Each structure stands twice: as structure tokens, then as C-alpha cells.
Protein backbone atom coordinates (compact mmCIF):
# COMPACT_ATOMS: atom_id res chain seq x y z
CA MET A 1 118.18 178.18 135.32
CA ALA A 2 116.93 178.19 138.97
CA VAL A 3 115.04 174.82 139.91
CA GLU A 4 113.07 174.77 142.97
CA PRO A 5 113.08 171.44 144.71
CA GLY A 6 109.80 170.56 145.18
CA VAL A 7 102.59 148.82 141.07
CA ARG A 8 101.65 149.42 138.02
CA LEU A 9 104.15 146.66 138.09
CA LEU A 10 103.15 144.80 134.93
CA VAL A 11 101.38 146.69 132.09
CA GLY A 12 101.60 145.29 128.70
CA ALA A 13 100.52 148.03 126.66
CA ASP A 14 102.48 151.36 125.80
CA ARG A 15 100.67 154.43 126.68
CA ARG A 16 100.86 158.01 125.27
CA PRO A 17 101.00 160.92 127.59
CA GLU A 18 98.13 163.21 127.76
CA GLU A 19 98.92 166.47 126.09
CA GLU A 20 97.55 169.93 126.80
CA SER A 21 95.40 171.20 124.06
CA GLY A 22 97.18 173.55 122.06
CA ALA A 23 100.32 173.40 124.04
CA GLU A 24 103.79 173.11 122.46
CA SER A 25 105.40 169.82 122.62
CA ASP A 26 108.45 169.19 124.90
CA ALA A 27 110.60 169.12 122.17
CA LEU A 28 109.62 172.58 120.93
CA VAL A 29 110.03 173.81 124.40
CA ILE A 30 113.53 172.55 124.72
CA ALA A 31 114.34 173.84 121.23
CA ARG A 32 113.18 177.25 122.19
CA SER A 33 115.04 177.13 125.40
CA ARG A 34 118.44 176.77 123.66
CA ASP A 35 117.96 180.51 122.77
CA GLU A 36 115.63 181.53 125.49
CA PRO A 37 116.80 179.54 128.65
CA GLU A 38 114.01 180.81 130.72
CA VAL A 39 111.48 178.85 128.71
CA PHE A 40 113.09 175.63 129.99
CA ALA A 41 110.93 176.27 133.31
CA VAL A 42 107.92 175.02 131.21
CA LEU A 43 109.44 171.69 131.16
CA PHE A 44 109.94 171.85 134.95
CA ASP A 45 106.46 172.68 135.52
CA ARG A 46 104.98 169.83 133.33
CA HIS A 47 107.23 166.96 134.83
CA ALA A 48 108.80 167.90 138.02
CA ASP A 49 106.00 166.25 140.21
CA ALA A 50 106.36 162.88 138.27
CA VAL A 51 109.98 162.85 138.54
CA HIS A 52 109.91 163.73 142.28
CA ARG A 53 107.22 160.95 142.93
CA TYR A 54 109.49 158.42 141.05
CA ALA A 55 112.55 159.42 143.07
CA ALA A 56 110.71 159.35 146.35
CA ARG A 57 109.36 155.67 145.60
CA ARG A 58 112.75 154.46 144.98
CA LEU A 59 114.89 156.46 147.52
CA GLY A 60 112.61 158.24 150.01
CA SER A 61 111.50 161.75 150.43
CA GLU A 62 114.59 162.80 152.05
CA VAL A 63 116.74 162.28 148.80
CA ALA A 64 113.84 163.03 146.23
CA ASP A 65 114.15 166.79 146.27
CA ASP A 66 117.63 166.73 145.59
CA LEU A 67 117.42 164.18 142.84
CA MET A 68 114.61 165.88 141.25
CA ALA A 69 116.46 169.23 141.17
CA GLU A 70 119.66 167.52 139.84
CA THR A 71 117.64 165.75 137.21
CA PHE A 72 116.45 169.05 135.92
CA THR A 73 119.69 170.88 136.17
CA THR A 74 121.58 168.01 134.21
CA ALA A 75 118.65 168.15 131.56
CA PHE A 76 119.12 171.87 131.23
CA GLN A 77 122.76 171.54 130.79
CA GLN A 78 122.35 168.72 128.10
CA ARG A 79 119.37 170.49 126.26
CA HIS A 80 121.53 171.21 123.04
CA ARG A 81 121.85 167.40 122.70
CA TYR A 82 118.08 166.56 122.93
CA ASP A 83 116.63 164.58 120.12
CA ASP A 84 114.01 167.08 118.64
CA GLY A 85 112.13 164.29 116.88
CA ARG A 86 111.02 163.04 120.47
CA ALA A 87 107.94 165.11 121.19
CA ASP A 88 107.64 163.78 124.70
CA ALA A 89 110.80 164.37 127.03
CA ARG A 90 109.53 162.29 129.97
CA PRO A 91 111.81 159.19 128.80
CA TRP A 92 114.72 161.59 128.72
CA LEU A 93 113.95 162.95 132.14
CA PHE A 94 113.33 159.73 133.47
CA GLY A 95 116.50 158.34 132.06
CA ILE A 96 118.56 160.88 133.73
CA ALA A 97 116.84 160.43 137.02
CA THR A 98 117.44 156.68 136.82
CA ASN A 99 121.01 157.35 136.02
CA LEU A 100 121.25 159.32 139.31
CA VAL A 101 119.43 156.74 141.09
CA ALA A 102 122.27 154.39 140.23
CA ARG A 103 124.58 156.39 142.57
CA HIS A 104 122.21 155.43 145.41
CA ARG A 105 121.98 151.63 144.72
CA ARG A 106 122.86 150.60 148.17
CA ALA A 107 120.49 153.08 149.87
CA GLU A 108 117.79 151.77 147.62
CA ALA A 109 118.29 148.28 148.55
CA ARG A 110 118.36 149.18 152.26
CA ARG A 111 115.18 151.06 151.74
CA PHE A 112 113.27 148.13 150.29
CA LYS A 113 114.80 145.75 152.86
CA ALA A 114 113.48 148.20 155.80
CA LEU A 115 110.00 148.20 154.28
CA ALA A 116 110.00 144.58 153.97
CA ARG A 117 110.73 144.35 157.93
CA MET A 118 108.02 147.17 158.79
CA PRO A 119 105.71 145.14 161.09
CA ALA A 120 101.96 145.12 160.36
CA PRO A 121 99.86 147.23 162.64
CA ALA A 122 97.52 145.86 165.12
CA GLU A 123 93.96 146.06 163.51
CA HIS A 124 92.51 147.92 166.48
CA ASP A 125 95.15 150.66 166.16
CA GLU A 126 93.67 152.77 163.42
CA ALA A 127 96.29 155.60 163.88
CA VAL A 128 99.23 153.47 163.61
CA ALA A 129 97.47 151.58 160.57
CA ASP A 130 97.13 154.90 158.95
CA ARG A 131 100.53 155.84 159.18
CA VAL A 132 101.74 152.49 157.96
CA VAL A 133 99.51 152.51 155.06
CA ALA A 134 100.67 155.97 154.21
CA ARG A 135 104.45 154.92 154.31
CA VAL A 136 103.70 151.97 152.13
CA SER A 137 101.89 153.92 149.77
CA ALA A 138 104.49 156.44 149.48
CA ALA A 139 107.02 153.70 148.70
CA GLY A 140 104.66 151.92 146.31
CA ALA A 141 105.26 148.55 147.80
CA GLY A 142 103.86 146.22 150.64
CA ARG A 143 106.45 144.20 152.67
CA GLU A 144 106.58 141.20 150.45
CA LEU A 145 106.85 143.16 147.18
CA ALA A 146 109.68 145.37 148.79
CA ALA A 147 111.65 142.35 149.67
CA ALA A 148 111.20 140.94 146.17
CA LEU A 149 112.21 144.19 144.60
CA ALA A 150 115.41 144.33 146.87
CA GLY A 151 116.33 141.05 145.49
CA LEU A 152 116.20 142.13 141.79
CA PRO A 153 119.36 142.78 139.85
CA ALA A 154 119.66 146.74 139.25
CA ARG A 155 119.11 146.56 135.58
CA HIS A 156 115.81 144.72 136.04
CA ARG A 157 114.60 146.70 138.80
CA ASP A 158 115.10 149.88 136.60
CA VAL A 159 113.22 148.51 133.79
CA LEU A 160 110.20 147.25 136.07
CA LEU A 161 110.02 150.54 138.16
CA LEU A 162 110.14 152.96 135.01
CA VAL A 163 107.15 150.88 133.77
CA ALA A 164 105.41 150.74 137.25
CA TRP A 165 106.25 154.16 138.68
CA GLY A 166 107.48 156.13 135.81
CA ASP A 167 104.34 155.10 133.86
CA LEU A 168 106.57 154.72 130.66
CA GLY A 169 105.61 152.32 127.79
CA TYR A 170 108.25 149.91 126.45
CA GLU A 171 109.61 151.95 123.78
CA GLU A 172 109.89 154.95 126.23
CA VAL A 173 111.83 152.81 128.70
CA ALA A 174 114.18 151.77 125.92
CA GLN A 175 114.67 155.49 124.94
CA ALA A 176 115.21 156.38 128.70
CA LEU A 177 117.76 153.55 129.16
CA GLY A 178 119.35 153.51 125.70
CA VAL A 179 118.83 149.83 125.22
CA PRO A 180 116.67 147.91 122.51
CA VAL A 181 113.02 147.52 123.13
CA GLY A 182 113.75 143.66 123.15
CA THR A 183 116.13 144.13 126.02
CA VAL A 184 113.51 145.97 127.88
CA ARG A 185 110.75 143.30 127.28
CA SER A 186 113.26 140.58 128.16
CA ARG A 187 114.46 142.31 131.38
CA LEU A 188 110.76 142.99 132.31
CA HIS A 189 109.82 139.35 131.75
CA ARG A 190 112.85 138.29 134.03
CA ALA A 191 111.88 140.64 136.65
CA ARG A 192 108.21 139.37 136.62
CA GLY A 193 109.47 135.70 136.89
CA LYS A 194 111.64 136.79 139.76
CA LEU A 195 109.05 138.59 141.54
CA ARG A 196 106.32 135.75 140.97
CA ASP A 197 108.90 133.30 142.55
CA ALA A 198 109.53 135.53 145.45
CA LEU A 199 105.88 135.94 146.14
CA GLY A 200 105.37 132.37 146.38
CA GLY A 201 103.91 131.95 142.79
CA SER A 202 101.52 135.04 143.07
CA ASP A 203 100.87 136.77 139.93
CA PRO A 204 102.68 140.08 140.79
CA SER A 205 100.07 141.98 138.66
CA ALA A 206 97.58 141.42 141.27
CA LEU A 207 99.76 143.89 143.52
CA ARG A 208 99.30 146.85 141.12
CA GLU A 209 97.02 148.53 143.57
CA VAL A 210 99.73 149.01 146.34
CA SER A 211 101.23 151.71 144.08
CA GLY A 212 98.31 153.78 143.78
CA HIS A 213 98.03 153.31 140.00
CA GLU A 214 95.23 151.84 137.98
């Protein structure tokens, strides 16, 4: 298969993905692709943009193309092991992407620390302000939040960002990481507490708008 490269921080409710009317589920697409490999391109068309955004927010646009491509290459190679009882493949895909992010832990931490040091623009310099806002928006984090994210243990950051930037519910995160739902809730709770402490007692949920999610 040829693959072309291309905070909602604290939600409490699980969400279900929007489904195309009359479209086959991801599971059916994957099942068909075992005999008709070209069909797997449907899965790429559906989810590549979301995986790319997630990768870009965590590691930057320079790495996102390769990581997204590798995610779908890995998924294609492992499609025979996919659980056909799971209609939505997003948790599976984001789990693969998160495992690949793990190879870049130091780069991710450096990225967040760099964003935390990024100077605020002068109010009168609209051009600079626009560029800074665009960079922060792309990263999904302001300076204080970026510094707090850099200080989180990797396992807590994975859960938090799969919820915030992967837009997954708790059960979906559990599927993505291969851990119990209770573990997801516990890690998210700890991440929230650490972010709250790092942000001087502010409720991190107030920072949801920095990611561009409602």
C-alpha cells in the first residue's frame, strides 16, 4: 500500500465518532482489505488528517508526515490482527501513533520546553503576534501549559493528549494503550492535578481553548 504523507484537556464524557451515512464501518473496511489490500486506502482517507494533527501537536510538523505515514504502514501490516468487533479504528490508529511517539520522548519534551520559553509578542507588533499565535495554536499549548506538559510523566501525558488532541473517550484511550479504563481515569486524574499545581492552582479545563477544540 502506498501511503502519501500528508486543549480539549479535561473532558469527562466519552464521545462517539461521527459516521458517514451508509458508509461501511472501519472494521468492515479492514476486514475487506485482507483480501483486497487497496481497500485499506479508505481508512487512510478517513483518519490520516486526524493522526497527522495529533503527531504535529506532539512532535512538530517536521516529524508529523513521517510518523503519520509510519502509523498507517504499521496498521496495514497488522490489519490481520485487528479486532473486527471494534467498529471504529481510531483508538487502534492512535495507539500505534502513540507507540511511535514514544521513540521521540526527548524530542517531545524539548519541543514543549521550547514553546514554554517562546517570548510573548509586543502588543503593537501584529505580524509577530499572528505568527506566535499560529505556532502556539499548532502546538495546542500556551507557554505555561507547554511547560506543565513537559513535566508530566510520559504515561500520564499519553493519556491526557489522547483525550485532548486525539479526541478519544476513556474507553477508547484504554483500547489505544492496552490498559484498563480505571488506569486511564487514574492517570488522567493525576495529570490534571499536576497541571493544576504547575499552573498555580488554576483549573486546567479553563485552558481548553488553546487547542482549538470546543
